[in-house]
Structure formats: C-alpha cells, structure tokens
C-alpha cells in the first residue's frame, strides 16, 4: 500500500473512520528533517499494509496542524479508532516508528 496524502477534505474518511491503525506524518516540502524521514515512511507504507500511512502537508492543511497542536515537524501521530495513542517529534529510526504503531 502507498502513502495516502490527507487534507481537510479527506481527513475524516481516511483517518477518523479508518478501521486500521493510522500513522500520520505532519511535514512540509521545505523541511530537511521531513525529507530525511520520508523514505522510512514510504517503506513502512509498502511493507505494512495493516497500517494506514498518511502524510499531511502543514502548509496545505494548516487547520489540521493547528487542531493537532503541531509546532515542530516532522511530527508523527498514531491514531486508533479516531483517538491519538502515540506521538513523536523529529527524525526517529524505522524501528522506533514501528514500536509507536504497536502501542
């Protein structure tokens, strides 16, 4: 499965109504650390179809970034049943991202 690009128009359907655990990567095109973590996010999406892996561009979906209190990027948020269950700020290795998803 590939990464799903989410904005305010599809957020409810893709994230809140998902039956899967959802990993959201809040990022921006100008963010160096975001570009560093992007290949890892892509790998997880390809290797783990049991998760819905999403990216939200904070410049294009500022209202969602505000809703989640995003002040630094990249920020990863894990949601289950429409609720936030885990959060991490900054670049972390793939193993730690997978641990966030397992919680």
N, C-alpha and C. Protein backbone atom coordinates (compact mmCIF):
# COMPACT_ATOMS: atom_id res chain seq x y z
N UNK A 1 0.85 -1.18 0.00
CA UNK A 1 0.00 0.00 0.00
C UNK A 1 0.89 1.25 0.00
N UNK A 2 0.43 2.30 -0.60
CA UNK A 2 1.24 3.51 -0.65
C UNK A 2 0.74 4.53 0.37
N UNK A 3 1.54 5.55 0.53
CA UNK A 3 1.20 6.64 1.44
C UNK A 3 -0.02 7.39 0.92
N UNK A 4 -0.92 7.73 1.82
CA UNK A 4 -2.13 8.47 1.47
C UNK A 4 -1.92 9.93 1.84
N UNK A 5 -2.11 10.82 0.89
CA UNK A 5 -1.98 12.24 1.18
C UNK A 5 -3.33 12.75 1.69
N UNK A 6 -3.29 13.32 2.88
CA UNK A 6 -4.51 13.72 3.57
C UNK A 6 -4.58 15.24 3.69
N UNK A 7 -5.80 15.75 3.54
CA UNK A 7 -6.05 17.18 3.79
C UNK A 7 -7.39 17.28 4.52
N UNK A 8 -7.88 18.47 4.70
CA UNK A 8 -9.13 18.65 5.46
C UNK A 8 -10.33 18.01 4.76
N UNK A 9 -10.24 17.81 3.45
CA UNK A 9 -11.36 17.25 2.71
C UNK A 9 -11.51 15.74 2.90
N UNK A 10 -10.39 15.01 3.04
CA UNK A 10 -10.48 13.56 3.19
C UNK A 10 -10.07 13.06 4.57
N UNK A 11 -9.75 13.96 5.50
CA UNK A 11 -9.27 13.58 6.82
C UNK A 11 -10.25 12.66 7.56
N UNK A 12 -11.50 13.05 7.59
CA UNK A 12 -12.49 12.24 8.34
C UNK A 12 -12.58 10.83 7.77
N UNK A 13 -12.69 10.73 6.46
CA UNK A 13 -12.85 9.42 5.82
C UNK A 13 -11.60 8.55 5.98
N UNK A 14 -10.43 9.13 5.71
CA UNK A 14 -9.18 8.36 5.71
C UNK A 14 -8.67 8.08 7.12
N UNK A 15 -8.75 9.05 8.01
CA UNK A 15 -8.15 8.91 9.34
C UNK A 15 -9.17 8.52 10.40
N UNK A 16 -10.18 9.35 10.58
CA UNK A 16 -11.11 9.13 11.69
C UNK A 16 -11.96 7.88 11.52
N UNK A 17 -12.31 7.54 10.29
CA UNK A 17 -13.16 6.37 10.06
C UNK A 17 -12.37 5.10 9.72
N UNK A 18 -11.05 5.17 9.79
CA UNK A 18 -10.22 4.02 9.44
C UNK A 18 -10.38 2.89 10.45
N UNK A 19 -10.47 1.69 9.94
CA UNK A 19 -10.50 0.51 10.81
C UNK A 19 -9.09 0.07 11.15
N UNK A 20 -8.11 0.63 10.47
CA UNK A 20 -6.71 0.30 10.71
C UNK A 20 -6.10 1.31 11.67
N UNK A 21 -4.97 0.95 12.26
CA UNK A 21 -4.16 1.92 12.99
C UNK A 21 -3.59 2.87 11.95
N UNK A 22 -3.61 4.17 12.25
CA UNK A 22 -3.19 5.19 11.29
C UNK A 22 -1.91 5.88 11.77
N UNK A 23 -0.93 5.96 10.88
CA UNK A 23 0.29 6.73 11.12
C UNK A 23 0.19 7.99 10.29
N UNK A 24 0.26 9.15 10.95
CA UNK A 24 0.22 10.43 10.24
C UNK A 24 1.58 11.10 10.37
N UNK A 25 2.13 11.49 9.23
CA UNK A 25 3.39 12.24 9.18
C UNK A 25 3.04 13.68 8.82
N UNK A 26 3.17 14.59 9.80
CA UNK A 26 2.99 16.02 9.53
C UNK A 26 4.33 16.53 9.01
N UNK A 27 4.35 17.14 7.83
CA UNK A 27 5.60 17.51 7.16
C UNK A 27 5.39 18.77 6.32
N UNK A 28 6.48 19.21 5.69
CA UNK A 28 6.44 20.32 4.73
C UNK A 28 7.56 20.11 3.72
N UNK A 29 7.36 20.64 2.51
CA UNK A 29 8.34 20.44 1.44
C UNK A 29 9.68 21.10 1.76
N UNK A 30 9.68 22.18 2.52
CA UNK A 30 10.91 22.93 2.82
C UNK A 30 11.68 22.36 4.01
N UNK A 31 11.15 21.34 4.65
CA UNK A 31 11.71 20.80 5.91
C UNK A 31 12.73 19.70 5.62
N UNK A 32 14.01 19.97 5.93
CA UNK A 32 15.07 19.00 5.72
C UNK A 32 14.86 17.69 6.48
N UNK A 33 14.59 17.74 7.79
CA UNK A 33 14.35 16.50 8.53
C UNK A 33 13.15 15.72 7.99
N UNK A 34 12.16 16.42 7.46
CA UNK A 34 10.99 15.75 6.86
C UNK A 34 11.42 14.93 5.65
N UNK A 35 12.34 15.50 4.85
CA UNK A 35 12.84 14.78 3.68
C UNK A 35 13.67 13.58 4.10
N UNK A 36 14.33 13.67 5.27
CA UNK A 36 15.14 12.56 5.77
C UNK A 36 14.25 11.37 6.18
N UNK A 37 13.12 11.66 6.79
CA UNK A 37 12.25 10.59 7.29
C UNK A 37 11.30 10.05 6.21
N UNK A 38 11.11 10.80 5.14
CA UNK A 38 10.16 10.42 4.09
C UNK A 38 10.38 9.00 3.53
N UNK A 39 11.62 8.60 3.22
CA UNK A 39 11.80 7.24 2.68
C UNK A 39 11.40 6.15 3.68
N UNK A 40 11.58 6.43 4.96
CA UNK A 40 11.20 5.47 6.00
C UNK A 40 9.68 5.33 6.04
N UNK A 41 8.99 6.47 5.94
CA UNK A 41 7.52 6.46 5.93
C UNK A 41 7.02 5.67 4.72
N UNK A 42 7.65 5.89 3.56
CA UNK A 42 7.28 5.17 2.34
C UNK A 42 7.49 3.66 2.51
N UNK A 43 8.61 3.27 3.12
CA UNK A 43 8.91 1.85 3.36
C UNK A 43 7.86 1.21 4.24
N UNK A 44 7.50 1.90 5.32
CA UNK A 44 6.50 1.36 6.25
C UNK A 44 5.17 1.17 5.52
N UNK A 45 4.79 2.14 4.70
CA UNK A 45 3.54 2.03 3.94
C UNK A 45 3.57 0.82 3.01
N UNK A 46 4.72 0.58 2.36
CA UNK A 46 4.84 -0.52 1.41
C UNK A 46 4.91 -1.88 2.11
N UNK A 47 5.57 -1.93 3.26
CA UNK A 47 5.82 -3.20 3.94
C UNK A 47 4.73 -3.60 4.93
N UNK A 48 3.90 -2.65 5.36
CA UNK A 48 2.92 -2.93 6.41
C UNK A 48 1.51 -2.49 5.99
N UNK A 49 0.86 -3.29 5.16
CA UNK A 49 -0.49 -2.93 4.71
C UNK A 49 -1.53 -2.94 5.83
N UNK A 50 -1.15 -3.46 7.00
CA UNK A 50 -2.08 -3.46 8.13
C UNK A 50 -2.25 -2.07 8.74
N UNK A 51 -1.40 -1.13 8.33
CA UNK A 51 -1.50 0.26 8.79
C UNK A 51 -1.92 1.18 7.65
N UNK A 52 -2.65 2.22 7.99
CA UNK A 52 -2.92 3.30 7.03
C UNK A 52 -1.85 4.36 7.27
N UNK A 53 -1.01 4.60 6.30
CA UNK A 53 0.10 5.55 6.45
C UNK A 53 -0.24 6.81 5.66
N UNK A 54 -0.28 7.94 6.39
CA UNK A 54 -0.73 9.20 5.79
C UNK A 54 0.31 10.29 5.97
N UNK A 55 0.27 11.24 5.05
CA UNK A 55 1.11 12.44 5.16
C UNK A 55 0.19 13.66 5.09
N UNK A 56 0.45 14.61 5.97
CA UNK A 56 -0.29 15.87 5.95
C UNK A 56 0.72 17.01 5.82
N UNK A 57 0.63 17.73 4.72
CA UNK A 57 1.50 18.89 4.47
C UNK A 57 0.96 20.05 5.31
N UNK A 58 1.75 20.51 6.28
CA UNK A 58 1.28 21.56 7.20
C UNK A 58 1.02 22.88 6.48
N UNK A 59 1.66 23.10 5.34
CA UNK A 59 1.42 24.34 4.59
C UNK A 59 0.10 24.30 3.83
N UNK A 60 -0.34 23.10 3.46
CA UNK A 60 -1.59 22.97 2.71
C UNK A 60 -2.78 22.64 3.61
N UNK A 61 -2.51 22.16 4.81
CA UNK A 61 -3.59 21.77 5.74
C UNK A 61 -3.29 22.34 7.13
N UNK A 62 -3.10 23.65 7.16
CA UNK A 62 -2.76 24.33 8.40
C UNK A 62 -3.78 24.12 9.50
N UNK A 63 -5.06 24.00 9.13
CA UNK A 63 -6.10 23.81 10.14
C UNK A 63 -5.95 22.47 10.84
N UNK A 64 -5.50 21.44 10.13
CA UNK A 64 -5.26 20.14 10.76
C UNK A 64 -4.03 20.20 11.67
N UNK A 65 -2.99 20.87 11.20
CA UNK A 65 -1.79 21.03 12.03
C UNK A 65 -2.15 21.76 13.33
N UNK A 66 -2.97 22.78 13.21
CA UNK A 66 -3.41 23.54 14.39
C UNK A 66 -4.25 22.66 15.32
N UNK A 67 -5.15 21.89 14.74
CA UNK A 67 -6.02 21.00 15.51
C UNK A 67 -5.20 20.02 16.34
N UNK A 68 -4.08 19.54 15.79
CA UNK A 68 -3.24 18.58 16.49
C UNK A 68 -2.11 19.24 17.29
N UNK A 69 -2.07 20.56 17.31
CA UNK A 69 -1.06 21.27 18.08
C UNK A 69 0.35 21.07 17.56
N UNK A 70 0.49 20.98 16.25
CA UNK A 70 1.81 20.75 15.64
C UNK A 70 2.61 22.05 15.66
N UNK A 71 3.73 22.04 16.39
CA UNK A 71 4.60 23.21 16.44
C UNK A 71 5.97 22.93 15.83
N UNK A 72 6.32 21.66 15.71
CA UNK A 72 7.59 21.25 15.09
C UNK A 72 7.30 20.11 14.13
N UNK A 73 8.09 20.06 13.05
CA UNK A 73 7.95 18.96 12.10
C UNK A 73 9.32 18.37 11.80
N UNK A 74 9.39 17.09 11.45
CA UNK A 74 8.27 16.18 11.31
C UNK A 74 7.69 15.77 12.67
N UNK A 75 6.38 15.63 12.70
CA UNK A 75 5.69 15.07 13.86
C UNK A 75 4.91 13.87 13.37
N UNK A 76 5.09 12.76 14.06
CA UNK A 76 4.36 11.54 13.74
C UNK A 76 3.30 11.32 14.80
N UNK A 77 2.09 11.03 14.36
CA UNK A 77 0.99 10.76 15.28
C UNK A 77 0.38 9.42 14.89
N UNK A 78 0.14 8.60 15.90
CA UNK A 78 -0.51 7.31 15.69
C UNK A 78 -1.92 7.41 16.26
N UNK A 79 -2.90 7.02 15.44
CA UNK A 79 -4.30 7.07 15.87
C UNK A 79 -4.95 5.70 15.72
N UNK A 80 -5.80 5.37 16.70
CA UNK A 80 -6.62 4.17 16.65
C UNK A 80 -8.04 4.57 16.99
N UNK A 81 -8.98 4.14 16.17
CA UNK A 81 -10.39 4.45 16.40
C UNK A 81 -10.63 5.95 16.58
N UNK A 82 -9.93 6.76 15.80
CA UNK A 82 -10.13 8.20 15.83
C UNK A 82 -9.48 8.91 17.01
N UNK A 83 -8.72 8.18 17.83
CA UNK A 83 -8.07 8.77 19.00
C UNK A 83 -6.55 8.71 18.85
N UNK A 84 -5.86 9.76 19.30
CA UNK A 84 -4.40 9.76 19.30
C UNK A 84 -3.89 8.85 20.40
N UNK A 85 -3.02 7.90 20.04
CA UNK A 85 -2.47 6.97 21.03
C UNK A 85 -0.95 7.12 21.18
N UNK A 86 -0.30 7.78 20.25
CA UNK A 86 1.15 7.97 20.33
C UNK A 86 1.56 9.16 19.49
N UNK A 87 2.70 9.75 19.88
CA UNK A 87 3.20 10.94 19.17
C UNK A 87 4.71 10.99 19.30
N UNK A 88 5.38 11.43 18.24
CA UNK A 88 6.83 11.60 18.26
C UNK A 88 7.19 12.80 17.40
N UNK A 89 8.14 13.60 17.88
CA UNK A 89 8.58 14.78 17.14
C UNK A 89 10.04 14.58 16.75
N UNK A 90 10.34 14.88 15.48
CA UNK A 90 11.70 14.77 14.99
C UNK A 90 11.94 13.47 14.24
N UNK A 91 13.15 13.33 13.73
CA UNK A 91 13.52 12.15 12.96
C UNK A 91 13.85 11.02 13.93
N UNK A 92 13.19 9.88 13.72
CA UNK A 92 13.49 8.69 14.52
C UNK A 92 13.66 7.51 13.57
N UNK A 93 14.39 6.47 14.01
CA UNK A 93 14.60 5.32 13.13
C UNK A 93 13.32 4.50 12.90
N UNK A 94 13.35 3.72 11.85
CA UNK A 94 12.20 2.90 11.46
C UNK A 94 11.71 2.02 12.62
N UNK A 95 12.64 1.42 13.36
CA UNK A 95 12.27 0.52 14.45
C UNK A 95 11.43 1.25 15.50
N UNK A 96 11.79 2.48 15.78
CA UNK A 96 11.03 3.26 16.78
C UNK A 96 9.65 3.63 16.25
N UNK A 97 9.55 3.92 14.97
CA UNK A 97 8.24 4.22 14.37
C UNK A 97 7.35 2.99 14.48
N UNK A 98 7.90 1.82 14.18
CA UNK A 98 7.12 0.59 14.26
C UNK A 98 6.67 0.32 15.70
N UNK A 99 7.52 0.64 16.67
CA UNK A 99 7.15 0.48 18.09
C UNK A 99 5.99 1.44 18.44
N UNK A 100 6.02 2.65 17.90
CA UNK A 100 4.92 3.59 18.13
C UNK A 100 3.60 3.00 17.63
N UNK A 101 3.66 2.32 16.50
CA UNK A 101 2.47 1.74 15.89
C UNK A 101 1.93 0.55 16.68
N UNK A 102 2.80 -0.13 17.37
CA UNK A 102 2.41 -1.33 18.12
C UNK A 102 1.75 -1.00 19.46
N UNK A 103 1.95 0.21 19.94
CA UNK A 103 1.44 0.57 21.28
C UNK A 103 -0.07 0.56 21.35
